[in-house]
Amino acid sequence: MYAWVWRTLPGPRAVKALEALALAVAVVALLFLVVFPWLEPRLPFNDVTVDQPATSTSAPSTGGQTGTPRGSSPSSSVLPSP
């Protein structure tokens, strides 16, 4: 494919190099400005689902203390059972 592009571009070697560089920059700009913004909402990377265990059955009773360190939430210290 690259050989076909090189043979198709007009002009001497230096002009072909500049044209090939401009063509590559145009393709990258098209990808970043048009294709990727259009594609981004269609990708599943932000569709994250995490099962939260019930706090009443998964948290051990410690006599009034929750057992979580200060500054952390109870759900972050409870690991789901396999």
C-alpha atoms as a PDB file:
ATOM      1  CA  MET A   1       0.000   0.000   0.000  1.00  0.00           C
ATOM      2  CA  TYR A   2       2.766   2.451   0.898  1.00  0.00           C
ATOM      3  CA  ALA A   3       4.621   1.619  -2.301  1.00  0.00           C
ATOM      4  CA  TRP A   4       1.456   2.358  -4.289  1.00  0.00           C
ATOM      5  CA  VAL A   5       1.071   5.724  -2.525  1.00  0.00           C
ATOM      6  CA  TRP A   6       4.738   6.542  -3.165  1.00  0.00           C
ATOM      7  CA  ARG A   7       4.450   5.655  -6.860  1.00  0.00           C
ATOM      8  CA  THR A   8       1.161   7.596  -7.209  1.00  0.00           C
ATOM      9  CA  LEU A   9       2.417  10.858  -5.705  1.00  0.00           C
ATOM     10  CA  PRO A  10       3.716  13.279  -8.354  1.00  0.00           C
ATOM     11  CA  GLY A  11       7.087  15.040  -8.345  1.00  0.00           C
ATOM     12  CA  PRO A  12      10.690  14.309  -7.398  1.00  0.00           C
ATOM     13  CA  ARG A  13      11.720  12.485  -4.228  1.00  0.00           C
ATOM     14  CA  ALA A  14      11.746  15.576  -1.932  1.00  0.00           C
ATOM     15  CA  VAL A  15       8.291  16.670  -3.101  1.00  0.00           C
ATOM     16  CA  LYS A  16       6.967  13.131  -2.655  1.00  0.00           C
ATOM     17  CA  ALA A  17       8.318  13.082   0.902  1.00  0.00           C
ATOM     18  CA  LEU A  18       6.545  16.357   1.743  1.00  0.00           C
ATOM     19  CA  GLU A  19       3.333  15.157   0.099  1.00  0.00           C
ATOM     20  CA  ALA A  20       3.495  11.850   1.992  1.00  0.00           C
ATOM     21  CA  LEU A  21       4.049  13.729   5.257  1.00  0.00           C
ATOM     22  CA  ALA A  22       1.110  16.044   4.538  1.00  0.00           C
ATOM     23  CA  LEU A  23      -1.038  13.044   3.678  1.00  0.00           C
ATOM     24  CA  ALA A  24      -0.109  11.307   6.952  1.00  0.00           C
ATOM     25  CA  VAL A  25      -0.847  14.483   8.961  1.00  0.00           C
ATOM     26  CA  ALA A  26      -4.215  14.816   7.201  1.00  0.00           C
ATOM     27  CA  VAL A  27      -5.139  11.209   8.021  1.00  0.00           C
ATOM     28  CA  VAL A  28      -4.165  11.620  11.685  1.00  0.00           C
ATOM     29  CA  ALA A  29      -6.113  14.904  11.912  1.00  0.00           C
ATOM     30  CA  LEU A  30      -9.162  13.253  10.347  1.00  0.00           C
ATOM     31  CA  LEU A  31      -8.963  10.422  12.859  1.00  0.00           C
ATOM     32  CA  PHE A  32      -8.575  12.666  15.906  1.00  0.00           C
ATOM     33  CA  LEU A  33     -11.058  15.362  14.882  1.00  0.00           C
ATOM     34  CA  VAL A  34     -13.810  13.302  13.224  1.00  0.00           C
ATOM     35  CA  VAL A  35     -13.563   9.530  13.626  1.00  0.00           C
ATOM     36  CA  PHE A  36     -12.517   9.183  17.276  1.00  0.00           C
ATOM     37  CA  PRO A  37     -15.061  11.723  18.651  1.00  0.00           C
ATOM     38  CA  TRP A  38     -17.803   9.948  16.671  1.00  0.00           C
ATOM     39  CA  LEU A  39     -16.665   6.515  17.891  1.00  0.00           C
ATOM     40  CA  GLU A  40     -16.044   7.347  21.570  1.00  0.00           C
ATOM     41  CA  PRO A  41     -19.681   7.287  22.813  1.00  0.00           C
ATOM     42  CA  ARG A  42     -20.190   3.938  21.064  1.00  0.00           C
ATOM     43  CA  LEU A  43     -17.350   2.178  22.924  1.00  0.00           C
ATOM     44  CA  PRO A  44     -18.234   0.223  26.094  1.00  0.00           C
ATOM     45  CA  PHE A  45     -15.361   1.503  28.247  1.00  0.00           C
ATOM     46  CA  ASN A  46     -17.586   3.730  30.419  1.00  0.00           C
ATOM     47  CA  ASP A  47     -20.323   1.108  30.903  1.00  0.00           C
ATOM     48  CA  VAL A  48     -18.923  -0.246  34.147  1.00  0.00           C
ATOM     49  CA  THR A  49     -21.126  -2.334  36.410  1.00  0.00           C
ATOM     50  CA  VAL A  50     -19.980  -3.336  39.861  1.00  0.00           C
ATOM     51  CA  ASP A  51     -22.126  -5.490  42.096  1.00  0.00           C
ATOM     52  CA  GLN A  52     -22.467  -3.919  45.523  1.00  0.00           C
ATOM     53  CA  PRO A  53     -23.047  -6.462  48.309  1.00  0.00           C
ATOM     54  CA  ALA A  54     -25.814  -5.736  50.789  1.00  0.00           C
ATOM     55  CA  THR A  55     -24.335  -3.842  53.738  1.00  0.00           C
ATOM     56  CA  SER A  56     -26.531  -5.509  56.364  1.00  0.00           C
ATOM     57  CA  THR A  57     -25.430  -9.083  55.506  1.00  0.00           C
ATOM     58  CA  SER A  58     -21.820  -8.573  54.426  1.00  0.00           C
ATOM     59  CA  ALA A  59     -20.563  -6.236  57.150  1.00  0.00           C
ATOM     60  CA  PRO A  60     -19.516  -8.114  60.295  1.00  0.00           C
ATOM     61  CA  SER A  61     -20.934  -6.961  63.595  1.00  0.00           C
ATOM     62  CA  THR A  62     -18.141  -5.542  65.795  1.00  0.00           C
ATOM     63  CA  GLY A  63     -20.108  -4.312  68.788  1.00  0.00           C
ATOM     64  CA  GLY A  64     -20.990  -0.830  67.545  1.00  0.00           C
ATOM     65  CA  GLN A  65     -17.881  -0.199  65.486  1.00  0.00           C
ATOM     66  CA  THR A  66     -18.095  -0.480  61.732  1.00  0.00           C
ATOM     67  CA  GLY A  67     -14.581  -1.829  61.303  1.00  0.00           C
ATOM     68  CA  THR A  68     -13.699   0.544  58.507  1.00  0.00           C
ATOM     69  CA  PRO A  69     -10.695   2.833  58.757  1.00  0.00           C
ATOM     70  CA  ARG A  70     -11.319   6.520  59.189  1.00  0.00           C
ATOM     71  CA  GLY A  71     -11.910   8.273  55.879  1.00  0.00           C
ATOM     72  CA  SER A  72     -12.977   5.213  53.886  1.00  0.00           C
ATOM     73  CA  SER A  73     -16.454   4.147  52.998  1.00  0.00           C
ATOM     74  CA  PRO A  74     -17.823   0.808  54.232  1.00  0.00           C
ATOM     75  CA  SER A  75     -18.442  -0.448  50.677  1.00  0.00           C
ATOM     76  CA  SER A  76     -14.793   0.047  49.701  1.00  0.00           C
ATOM     77  CA  SER A  77     -13.471  -2.229  52.465  1.00  0.00           C
ATOM     78  CA  VAL A  78     -15.899  -5.099  51.893  1.00  0.00           C
ATOM     79  CA  LEU A  79     -14.757  -7.622  49.322  1.00  0.00           C
ATOM     80  CA  PRO A  80     -17.353  -9.680  47.483  1.00  0.00           C
ATOM     81  CA  SER A  81     -17.287 -13.384  48.167  1.00  0.00           C
ATOM     82  CA  PRO A  82     -16.260 -15.577  45.212  1.00  0.00           C
END
